[in-house]
Amino acid sequence: MERKFFHFYKDLKEVLIDGQTIKHRVEELALQITEDYADCQPHLIGILKGANVFHSDLIRAIHLPVTVDFIAVSSYGNSSQTTGEVRILKDPDESLAGKDVLLVEDIVDTGLTLNYLVEILRKREPKSLRIITLLSKPSRRKVDIHVDYIGFEIPDKFVVGYGLDYGQQYRNLPFLAIVEI
């Protein structure tokens, strides 16, 4: 199935993680979250736009009552490199005070954006704050940020698909691929 997309997206280099492998890993993560949050109701905040697909699949796989919200930040624009400046474009709609918050990220690269968000969200006095990411690139980390749940560790390659983009393209791919930029 993945190969048919290569016809439309000529700059895809190779499939890094196929759709079935992603689905299986999301189910494993959801099972762990279900166990870890058995005594409370997690409030999952998806970081837009990249984590949207992961966030959606994850909340459907968790076997507990959950609440959801979103936050949108910008640090890349239409580039493949972070600008270093983080801007909040959309704040969560509800107060986080007293909630068991699980921040849902698509990829932790340098960690700068995530570190910035965690500092802001902690000031809002959640009961707990944990982080889940689909992808982690530990070789690119610039700040030491603790991530509670990691889907996959990947090499230092630019990846797209399953919600991740390059110039607002590729988000619809049901797999993760390396793209030549």
N, C-alpha and C. Protein backbone atom coordinates (compact mmCIF):
# COMPACT_ATOMS: atom_id res chain seq x y z
N MET A 1 0.83 -1.20 0.00
CA MET A 1 0.00 0.00 0.00
C MET A 1 0.87 1.26 0.00
N GLU A 2 1.96 1.25 0.75
CA GLU A 2 2.80 2.43 0.87
C GLU A 2 3.36 2.89 -0.48
N ARG A 3 3.71 1.93 -1.32
CA ARG A 3 4.36 2.25 -2.60
C ARG A 3 3.50 3.11 -3.52
N LYS A 4 2.17 3.00 -3.42
CA LYS A 4 1.33 3.79 -4.33
C LYS A 4 1.51 5.29 -4.11
N PHE A 5 1.88 5.69 -2.91
CA PHE A 5 2.09 7.11 -2.63
C PHE A 5 3.36 7.65 -3.29
N PHE A 6 4.30 6.77 -3.57
CA PHE A 6 5.56 7.19 -4.19
C PHE A 6 5.32 7.72 -5.59
N HIS A 7 4.22 7.31 -6.21
CA HIS A 7 3.85 7.82 -7.53
C HIS A 7 3.50 9.31 -7.45
N PHE A 8 2.85 9.71 -6.38
CA PHE A 8 2.40 11.09 -6.22
C PHE A 8 3.44 11.98 -5.56
N TYR A 9 4.21 11.41 -4.66
CA TYR A 9 5.23 12.17 -3.93
C TYR A 9 6.60 11.67 -4.38
N LYS A 10 7.16 12.29 -5.38
CA LYS A 10 8.42 11.83 -6.00
C LYS A 10 9.63 11.98 -5.09
N ASP A 11 9.54 12.83 -4.06
CA ASP A 11 10.70 13.06 -3.19
C ASP A 11 10.72 12.15 -1.96
N LEU A 12 9.78 11.20 -1.88
CA LEU A 12 9.85 10.21 -0.80
C LEU A 12 11.02 9.29 -1.08
N LYS A 13 11.87 9.12 -0.09
CA LYS A 13 13.06 8.30 -0.28
C LYS A 13 12.79 6.83 0.07
N GLU A 14 12.22 6.62 1.26
CA GLU A 14 11.92 5.25 1.69
C GLU A 14 10.94 5.27 2.85
N VAL A 15 10.22 4.18 3.02
CA VAL A 15 9.33 4.02 4.16
C VAL A 15 10.20 3.70 5.37
N LEU A 16 10.04 4.48 6.43
CA LEU A 16 10.79 4.24 7.66
C LEU A 16 10.00 3.30 8.58
N ILE A 17 8.71 3.59 8.77
CA ILE A 17 7.85 2.75 9.62
C ILE A 17 6.51 2.61 8.90
N ASP A 18 6.12 1.37 8.62
CA ASP A 18 4.88 1.13 7.88
C ASP A 18 3.67 1.32 8.79
N GLY A 19 2.52 1.44 8.17
CA GLY A 19 1.27 1.72 8.88
C GLY A 19 0.88 0.66 9.90
N GLN A 20 1.08 -0.61 9.58
CA GLN A 20 0.73 -1.68 10.53
C GLN A 20 1.60 -1.62 11.78
N THR A 21 2.87 -1.32 11.60
CA THR A 21 3.78 -1.22 12.74
C THR A 21 3.38 -0.05 13.63
N ILE A 22 2.99 1.07 13.03
CA ILE A 22 2.53 2.23 13.80
C ILE A 22 1.27 1.86 14.57
N LYS A 23 0.31 1.23 13.90
CA LYS A 23 -0.95 0.85 14.55
C LYS A 23 -0.69 -0.04 15.75
N HIS A 24 0.16 -1.03 15.59
CA HIS A 24 0.48 -1.95 16.67
C HIS A 24 1.13 -1.21 17.85
N ARG A 25 2.05 -0.30 17.56
CA ARG A 25 2.73 0.44 18.63
C ARG A 25 1.78 1.39 19.35
N VAL A 26 0.88 2.03 18.63
CA VAL A 26 -0.11 2.91 19.26
C VAL A 26 -0.98 2.10 20.21
N GLU A 27 -1.37 0.91 19.81
CA GLU A 27 -2.17 0.05 20.68
C GLU A 27 -1.40 -0.35 21.94
N GLU A 28 -0.10 -0.63 21.81
CA GLU A 28 0.73 -0.95 22.98
C GLU A 28 0.82 0.24 23.93
N LEU A 29 1.04 1.43 23.37
CA LEU A 29 1.11 2.63 24.19
C LEU A 29 -0.22 2.89 24.90
N ALA A 30 -1.31 2.72 24.20
CA ALA A 30 -2.64 2.93 24.79
C ALA A 30 -2.90 1.95 25.93
N LEU A 31 -2.47 0.73 25.78
CA LEU A 31 -2.62 -0.26 26.84
C LEU A 31 -1.84 0.16 28.08
N GLN A 32 -0.61 0.65 27.89
CA GLN A 32 0.19 1.11 29.02
C GLN A 32 -0.45 2.31 29.70
N ILE A 33 -0.97 3.24 28.91
CA ILE A 33 -1.65 4.42 29.46
C ILE A 33 -2.91 3.99 30.22
N THR A 34 -3.66 3.05 29.67
CA THR A 34 -4.85 2.54 30.35
C THR A 34 -4.49 1.99 31.72
N GLU A 35 -3.40 1.26 31.80
CA GLU A 35 -2.95 0.72 33.09
C GLU A 35 -2.46 1.83 34.03
N ASP A 36 -1.67 2.75 33.50
CA ASP A 36 -1.08 3.81 34.33
C ASP A 36 -2.11 4.80 34.85
N TYR A 37 -3.18 5.01 34.12
CA TYR A 37 -4.20 6.00 34.49
C TYR A 37 -5.50 5.33 34.97
N ALA A 38 -5.41 4.08 35.41
CA ALA A 38 -6.61 3.32 35.79
C ALA A 38 -7.43 3.99 36.88
N ASP A 39 -6.78 4.79 37.74
CA ASP A 39 -7.49 5.41 38.86
C ASP A 39 -7.85 6.87 38.62
N CYS A 40 -7.71 7.33 37.38
CA CYS A 40 -8.03 8.74 37.11
C CYS A 40 -8.47 8.88 35.65
N GLN A 41 -8.82 10.07 35.29
CA GLN A 41 -9.25 10.35 33.92
C GLN A 41 -8.20 11.22 33.24
N PRO A 42 -7.46 10.65 32.28
CA PRO A 42 -6.44 11.47 31.62
C PRO A 42 -7.05 12.52 30.71
N HIS A 43 -6.40 13.65 30.67
CA HIS A 43 -6.77 14.77 29.80
C HIS A 43 -5.68 14.88 28.75
N LEU A 44 -5.95 14.40 27.54
CA LEU A 44 -4.94 14.35 26.49
C LEU A 44 -4.96 15.62 25.67
N ILE A 45 -3.83 16.32 25.66
CA ILE A 45 -3.70 17.55 24.89
C ILE A 45 -2.80 17.26 23.69
N GLY A 46 -3.40 17.30 22.51
CA GLY A 46 -2.65 17.08 21.28
C GLY A 46 -2.00 18.37 20.82
N ILE A 47 -0.75 18.26 20.42
CA ILE A 47 -0.03 19.43 19.91
C ILE A 47 -0.24 19.47 18.40
N LEU A 48 -0.97 20.50 17.97
CA LEU A 48 -1.31 20.65 16.56
C LEU A 48 -0.16 21.25 15.77
N LYS A 49 -0.06 20.94 14.53
CA LYS A 49 -0.91 20.09 13.74
C LYS A 49 -0.35 18.68 13.67
N GLY A 50 0.93 18.52 13.91
CA GLY A 50 1.62 17.26 13.68
C GLY A 50 1.11 16.08 14.45
N ALA A 51 0.69 16.27 15.70
CA ALA A 51 0.27 15.13 16.53
C ALA A 51 -1.20 14.76 16.34
N ASN A 52 -1.89 15.45 15.45
CA ASN A 52 -3.33 15.24 15.28
C ASN A 52 -3.69 13.78 14.98
N VAL A 53 -3.01 13.15 14.05
CA VAL A 53 -3.33 11.78 13.67
C VAL A 53 -3.01 10.82 14.82
N PHE A 54 -1.84 10.97 15.40
CA PHE A 54 -1.42 10.14 16.53
C PHE A 54 -2.39 10.32 17.70
N HIS A 55 -2.73 11.55 18.02
CA HIS A 55 -3.66 11.88 19.11
C HIS A 55 -5.00 11.18 18.88
N SER A 56 -5.53 11.26 17.67
CA SER A 56 -6.83 10.65 17.35
C SER A 56 -6.79 9.14 17.51
N ASP A 57 -5.76 8.50 16.96
CA ASP A 57 -5.66 7.05 17.08
C ASP A 57 -5.45 6.63 18.53
N LEU A 58 -4.66 7.39 19.26
CA LEU A 58 -4.36 7.07 20.65
C LEU A 58 -5.61 7.14 21.52
N ILE A 59 -6.39 8.20 21.41
CA ILE A 59 -7.56 8.32 22.29
C ILE A 59 -8.59 7.23 22.00
N ARG A 60 -8.66 6.77 20.76
CA ARG A 60 -9.59 5.68 20.43
C ARG A 60 -9.12 4.34 20.97
N ALA A 61 -7.81 4.21 21.23
CA ALA A 61 -7.26 2.94 21.70
C ALA A 61 -7.17 2.85 23.22
N ILE A 62 -7.35 3.97 23.93
CA ILE A 62 -7.32 3.97 25.39
C ILE A 62 -8.67 3.50 25.91
N HIS A 63 -8.65 2.55 26.83
CA HIS A 63 -9.89 1.96 27.35
C HIS A 63 -10.27 2.57 28.70
N LEU A 64 -10.37 3.88 28.71
CA LEU A 64 -10.78 4.66 29.88
C LEU A 64 -11.55 5.87 29.39
N PRO A 65 -12.34 6.47 30.25
CA PRO A 65 -12.89 7.78 29.89
C PRO A 65 -11.73 8.78 29.80
N VAL A 66 -11.71 9.56 28.75
CA VAL A 66 -10.67 10.58 28.57
C VAL A 66 -11.34 11.89 28.20
N THR A 67 -10.64 12.98 28.43
CA THR A 67 -11.04 14.27 27.89
C THR A 67 -9.90 14.71 26.98
N VAL A 68 -10.24 15.55 26.01
CA VAL A 68 -9.24 15.96 25.03
C VAL A 68 -9.26 17.46 24.82
N ASP A 69 -8.12 17.94 24.42
CA ASP A 69 -7.97 19.34 24.08
C ASP A 69 -6.79 19.44 23.13
N PHE A 70 -6.50 20.66 22.69
CA PHE A 70 -5.41 20.88 21.75
C PHE A 70 -4.67 22.15 22.10
N ILE A 71 -3.41 22.16 21.70
CA ILE A 71 -2.59 23.36 21.77
C ILE A 71 -1.84 23.42 20.44
N ALA A 72 -1.66 24.61 19.93
CA ALA A 72 -0.92 24.76 18.67
C ALA A 72 0.25 25.70 18.90
N VAL A 73 1.40 25.26 18.44
CA VAL A 73 2.61 26.06 18.55
C VAL A 73 3.30 26.09 17.19
N SER A 74 4.17 27.05 17.02
CA SER A 74 4.94 27.14 15.80
C SER A 74 6.40 27.39 16.15
N SER A 75 7.26 26.55 15.59
CA SER A 75 8.70 26.80 15.74
C SER A 75 9.44 26.49 14.45
N TYR A 76 8.76 25.89 13.49
CA TYR A 76 9.38 25.52 12.22
C TYR A 76 8.92 26.36 11.05
N GLY A 77 7.66 26.81 11.07
CA GLY A 77 7.11 27.47 9.90
C GLY A 77 7.07 26.48 8.75
N ASN A 78 7.55 26.87 7.58
CA ASN A 78 7.59 25.97 6.43
C ASN A 78 8.99 25.44 6.18
N SER A 79 9.82 25.47 7.19
CA SER A 79 11.21 25.03 7.05
C SER A 79 11.40 23.66 7.66
N SER A 80 12.54 23.07 7.38
CA SER A 80 12.89 21.79 7.99
C SER A 80 13.73 22.00 9.25
N GLN A 81 14.07 23.24 9.55
CA GLN A 81 14.88 23.58 10.72
C GLN A 81 14.08 24.50 11.64
N THR A 82 14.17 24.25 12.93
CA THR A 82 13.47 25.11 13.89
C THR A 82 14.07 26.51 13.87
N THR A 83 13.20 27.49 14.06
CA THR A 83 13.66 28.87 14.12
C THR A 83 14.21 29.22 15.50
N GLY A 84 13.90 28.38 16.48
CA GLY A 84 14.31 28.66 17.85
C GLY A 84 13.31 29.51 18.61
N GLU A 85 12.40 30.12 17.88
CA GLU A 85 11.34 30.94 18.49
C GLU A 85 10.07 30.14 18.53
N VAL A 86 9.48 30.00 19.71
CA VAL A 86 8.25 29.23 19.86
C VAL A 86 7.10 30.21 20.09
N ARG A 87 6.07 30.05 19.30
CA ARG A 87 4.88 30.88 19.45
C ARG A 87 3.67 29.99 19.70
N ILE A 88 2.84 30.35 20.69
CA ILE A 88 1.59 29.62 20.92
C ILE A 88 0.53 30.22 20.00
N LEU A 89 -0.03 29.38 19.15
CA LEU A 89 -1.04 29.82 18.20
C LEU A 89 -2.45 29.52 18.69
N LYS A 90 -2.58 28.47 19.53
CA LYS A 90 -3.87 28.10 20.12
C LYS A 90 -3.61 27.52 21.49
N ASP A 91 -4.29 28.06 22.47
CA ASP A 91 -4.19 27.59 23.85
C ASP A 91 -5.27 26.54 24.10
N PRO A 92 -5.07 25.65 25.09
CA PRO A 92 -6.14 24.72 25.46
C PRO A 92 -7.39 25.51 25.86
N ASP A 93 -8.54 24.91 25.59
CA ASP A 93 -9.81 25.59 25.88
C ASP A 93 -10.19 25.55 27.35
N GLU A 94 -9.71 24.54 28.07
CA GLU A 94 -10.10 24.36 29.47
C GLU A 94 -8.93 24.61 30.41
N SER A 95 -9.27 24.90 31.65
CA SER A 95 -8.25 25.02 32.69
C SER A 95 -7.61 23.65 32.91
N LEU A 96 -6.33 23.65 33.21
CA LEU A 96 -5.62 22.40 33.48
C LEU A 96 -5.49 22.12 34.97
N ALA A 97 -5.91 23.05 35.79
CA ALA A 97 -5.77 22.91 37.24
C ALA A 97 -6.42 21.62 37.74
N GLY A 98 -5.63 20.83 38.43
CA GLY A 98 -6.11 19.61 39.04
C GLY A 98 -6.30 18.43 38.09
N LYS A 99 -5.96 18.58 36.82
CA LYS A 99 -6.16 17.51 35.85
C LYS A 99 -4.89 16.68 35.68
N ASP A 100 -5.09 15.43 35.29
CA ASP A 100 -3.98 14.54 34.95
C ASP A 100 -3.75 14.69 33.45
N VAL A 101 -2.81 15.54 33.11
CA VAL A 101 -2.58 15.93 31.72
C VAL A 101 -1.54 15.01 31.07
N LEU A 102 -1.87 14.58 29.87
CA LEU A 102 -0.94 13.83 29.03
C LEU A 102 -0.78 14.62 27.74
N LEU A 103 0.39 15.19 27.57
CA LEU A 103 0.71 16.01 26.40
C LEU A 103 1.14 15.09 25.27
N VAL A 104 0.44 15.16 24.14
CA VAL A 104 0.66 14.26 23.01
C VAL A 104 1.43 14.99 21.92
N GLU A 105 2.65 14.54 21.67
CA GLU A 105 3.57 15.17 20.71
C GLU A 105 3.82 14.22 19.53
N ASP A 106 4.10 14.78 18.37
CA ASP A 106 4.41 13.94 17.22
C ASP A 106 5.88 13.50 17.24
N ILE A 107 6.78 14.44 17.45
CA ILE A 107 8.20 14.11 17.42
C ILE A 107 8.97 15.02 18.38
N VAL A 108 9.87 14.43 19.15
CA VAL A 108 10.77 15.21 20.00
C VAL A 108 12.12 15.19 19.30
N ASP A 109 12.51 16.37 18.86
CA ASP A 109 13.75 16.54 18.11
C ASP A 109 14.76 17.19 19.06
N THR A 110 14.91 18.49 19.00
CA THR A 110 15.84 19.19 19.90
C THR A 110 15.31 19.22 21.33
N GLY A 111 13.99 19.16 21.47
CA GLY A 111 13.37 19.25 22.79
C GLY A 111 13.05 20.67 23.22
N LEU A 112 13.49 21.65 22.45
CA LEU A 112 13.30 23.05 22.83
C LEU A 112 11.83 23.44 22.90
N THR A 113 11.06 23.08 21.87
CA THR A 113 9.63 23.43 21.85
C THR A 113 8.90 22.74 22.99
N LEU A 114 9.15 21.46 23.16
CA LEU A 114 8.48 20.70 24.21
C LEU A 114 8.85 21.23 25.60
N ASN A 115 10.10 21.55 25.81
CA ASN A 115 10.55 22.11 27.09
C ASN A 115 9.81 23.41 27.39
N TYR A 116 9.69 24.25 26.39
CA TYR A 116 8.96 25.52 26.52
C TYR A 116 7.51 25.27 26.92
N LEU A 117 6.85 24.32 26.23
CA LEU A 117 5.45 24.01 26.54
C LEU A 117 5.28 23.46 27.94
N VAL A 118 6.17 22.57 28.35
CA VAL A 118 6.08 21.98 29.68
C VAL A 118 6.19 23.06 30.75
N GLU A 119 7.11 24.00 30.57
CA GLU A 119 7.24 25.11 31.53
C GLU A 119 5.94 25.90 31.63
N ILE A 120 5.33 26.19 30.52
CA ILE A 120 4.07 26.95 30.51
C ILE A 120 2.96 26.15 31.17
N LEU A 121 2.82 24.88 30.81
CA LEU A 121 1.72 24.06 31.32
C LEU A 121 1.86 23.77 32.81
N ARG A 122 3.06 23.60 33.31
CA ARG A 122 3.25 23.37 34.76
C ARG A 122 2.75 24.55 35.59
N LYS A 123 2.87 25.74 35.06
CA LYS A 123 2.39 26.94 35.76
C LYS A 123 0.87 26.95 35.89
N ARG A 124 0.20 26.12 35.12
CA ARG A 124 -1.26 26.05 35.15
C ARG A 124 -1.78 25.02 36.14
N GLU A 125 -0.88 24.47 36.94
CA GLU A 125 -1.16 23.61 38.09
C GLU A 125 -1.97 22.35 37.79
N PRO A 126 -1.53 21.57 36.79
CA PRO A 126 -2.19 20.28 36.62
C PRO A 126 -1.83 19.36 37.79
N LYS A 127 -2.68 18.39 38.07
CA LYS A 127 -2.37 17.42 39.12
C LYS A 127 -1.12 16.63 38.73
N SER A 128 -1.05 16.24 37.45
CA SER A 128 0.14 15.58 36.92
C SER A 128 0.30 16.00 35.47
N LEU A 129 1.53 15.88 34.98
CA LEU A 129 1.82 16.22 33.59
C LEU A 129 2.83 15.21 33.07
N ARG A 130 2.38 14.43 32.10
CA ARG A 130 3.24 13.45 31.45
C ARG A 130 3.27 13.75 29.96
N ILE A 131 4.27 13.17 29.29
CA ILE A 131 4.46 13.41 27.86
C ILE A 131 4.52 12.09 27.13
N ILE A 132 3.83 12.05 26.00
CA ILE A 132 3.94 10.92 25.08
C ILE A 132 4.31 11.48 23.71
N THR A 133 5.22 10.80 23.04
CA THR A 133 5.59 11.19 21.68
C THR A 133 5.60 9.96 20.79
N LEU A 134 5.19 10.16 19.58
CA LEU A 134 5.26 9.07 18.61
C LEU A 134 6.72 8.78 18.26
N LEU A 135 7.48 9.84 18.02
CA LEU A 135 8.86 9.69 17.57
C LEU A 135 9.82 10.48 18.45
N SER A 136 11.02 9.94 18.60
CA SER A 136 12.07 10.62 19.34
C SER A 136 13.37 10.52 18.55
N LYS A 137 14.06 11.65 18.43
CA LYS A 137 15.38 11.71 17.81
C LYS A 137 16.39 12.10 18.88
N PRO A 138 16.84 11.16 19.70
CA PRO A 138 17.74 11.53 20.81
C PRO A 138 19.06 12.15 20.36
N SER A 139 19.51 11.85 19.16
CA SER A 139 20.78 12.40 18.69
C SER A 139 20.70 13.91 18.45
N ARG A 140 19.51 14.47 18.35
CA ARG A 140 19.34 15.90 18.09
C ARG A 140 19.02 16.71 19.34
N ARG A 141 18.86 16.05 20.48
CA ARG A 141 18.42 16.71 21.70
C ARG A 141 19.38 17.82 22.13
N LYS A 142 18.82 19.00 22.42
CA LYS A 142 19.59 20.14 22.94
C LYS A 142 19.28 20.42 24.39
N VAL A 143 18.11 19.93 24.86
CA VAL A 143 17.75 20.08 26.26
C VAL A 143 17.35 18.71 26.80
N ASP A 144 17.60 18.51 28.08
CA ASP A 144 17.25 17.24 28.71
C ASP A 144 15.79 17.30 29.12
N ILE A 145 14.95 16.65 28.35
CA ILE A 145 13.51 16.64 28.62
C ILE A 145 13.07 15.20 28.82
N HIS A 146 12.35 14.95 29.91
CA HIS A 146 11.88 13.60 30.19
C HIS A 146 10.60 13.33 29.41
N VAL A 147 10.59 12.24 28.66
CA VAL A 147 9.40 11.81 27.92
C VAL A 147 8.96 10.48 28.52
N ASP A 148 7.72 10.42 28.97
CA ASP A 148 7.21 9.25 29.67
C ASP A 148 6.93 8.06 28.77
N TYR A 149 6.44 8.34 27.56
CA TYR A 149 6.09 7.28 26.62
C TYR A 149 6.66 7.63 25.25
N ILE A 150 7.39 6.71 24.66
CA ILE A 150 7.98 6.93 23.34
C ILE A 150 7.54 5.81 22.41
N GLY A 151 7.00 6.20 21.27
CA GLY A 151 6.60 5.20 20.28
C GLY A 151 7.80 4.55 19.61
N PHE A 152 8.62 5.37 18.99
CA PHE A 152 9.80 4.88 18.26
C PHE A 152 10.95 5.86 18.39
N GLU A 153 12.15 5.36 18.54
CA GLU A 153 13.35 6.18 18.39
C GLU A 153 13.79 6.04 16.95
N ILE A 154 14.09 7.19 16.33
CA ILE A 154 14.47 7.17 14.92
C ILE A 154 15.80 7.88 14.71
N PRO A 155 16.46 7.59 13.58
CA PRO A 155 17.72 8.27 13.28
C PRO A 155 17.48 9.72 12.88
N ASP A 156 18.55 10.46 12.73
CA ASP A 156 18.49 11.86 12.37
C ASP A 156 18.20 12.01 10.88
N LYS A 157 16.97 11.73 10.50
CA LYS A 157 16.48 11.87 9.13
C LYS A 157 15.20 12.70 9.19
N PHE A 158 14.91 13.43 8.11
CA PHE A 158 13.67 14.21 8.08
C PHE A 158 12.54 13.30 7.64
N VAL A 159 11.55 13.12 8.53
CA VAL A 159 10.45 12.20 8.25
C VAL A 159 9.13 12.93 8.10
N VAL A 160 8.27 12.32 7.29
CA VAL A 160 6.93 12.87 7.04
C VAL A 160 5.93 11.72 7.09
N GLY A 161 4.66 12.08 7.15
CA GLY A 161 3.58 11.11 7.16
C GLY A 161 2.98 10.96 8.53
N TYR A 162 1.83 10.32 8.59
CA TYR A 162 1.12 10.07 9.84
C TYR A 162 1.00 11.37 10.67
N GLY A 163 0.70 12.46 9.97
CA GLY A 163 0.51 13.75 10.62
C GLY A 163 1.69 14.70 10.50
N LEU A 164 2.89 14.17 10.29
CA LEU A 164 4.08 15.01 10.17
C LEU A 164 4.18 15.55 8.74
N ASP A 165 4.63 16.79 8.63
CA ASP A 165 4.63 17.43 7.32
C ASP A 165 5.98 18.01 6.95
N TYR A 166 6.05 18.43 5.72
CA TYR A 166 7.09 19.33 5.23
C TYR A 166 6.36 20.31 4.34
N GLY A 167 6.31 21.57 4.74
CA GLY A 167 5.59 22.59 3.98
C GLY A 167 4.11 22.28 3.84
N GLN A 168 3.51 21.73 4.90
CA GLN A 168 2.09 21.38 4.97
C GLN A 168 1.70 20.22 4.05
N GLN A 169 2.66 19.51 3.51
CA GLN A 169 2.41 18.34 2.65
C GLN A 169 2.71 17.05 3.41
N TYR A 170 2.19 15.94 2.94
CA TYR A 170 2.49 14.58 3.41
C TYR A 170 1.74 14.14 4.67
N ARG A 171 1.00 15.00 5.33
CA ARG A 171 0.35 14.62 6.58
C ARG A 171 -0.58 13.41 6.41
N ASN A 172 -1.13 13.23 5.23
CA ASN A 172 -2.11 12.18 4.99
C ASN A 172 -1.50 10.80 4.76
N LEU A 173 -0.19 10.69 4.68
CA LEU A 173 0.42 9.38 4.46
C LEU A 173 0.14 8.49 5.68
N PRO A 174 -0.31 7.24 5.47
CA PRO A 174 -0.61 6.35 6.59
C PRO A 174 0.62 5.63 7.14
N PHE A 175 1.79 6.11 6.82
CA PHE A 175 3.06 5.54 7.25
C PHE A 175 4.04 6.69 7.45
N LEU A 176 5.22 6.39 7.95
CA LEU A 176 6.28 7.39 8.12
C LEU A 176 7.35 7.12 7.09
N ALA A 177 7.76 8.18 6.39
CA ALA A 177 8.76 8.03 5.33
C ALA A 177 9.84 9.08 5.47
N ILE A 178 10.99 8.76 4.94
CA ILE A 178 12.08 9.71 4.85
C ILE A 178 11.88 10.46 3.53
N VAL A 179 12.02 11.77 3.61
CA VAL A 179 11.83 12.59 2.43
C VAL A 179 13.15 13.30 2.12
N GLU A 180 13.42 13.47 0.83
CA GLU A 180 14.60 14.22 0.41
C GLU A 180 14.21 15.68 0.30
N ILE A 181 14.86 16.53 1.09
CA ILE A 181 14.52 17.96 1.05
C ILE A 181 15.71 18.76 0.56
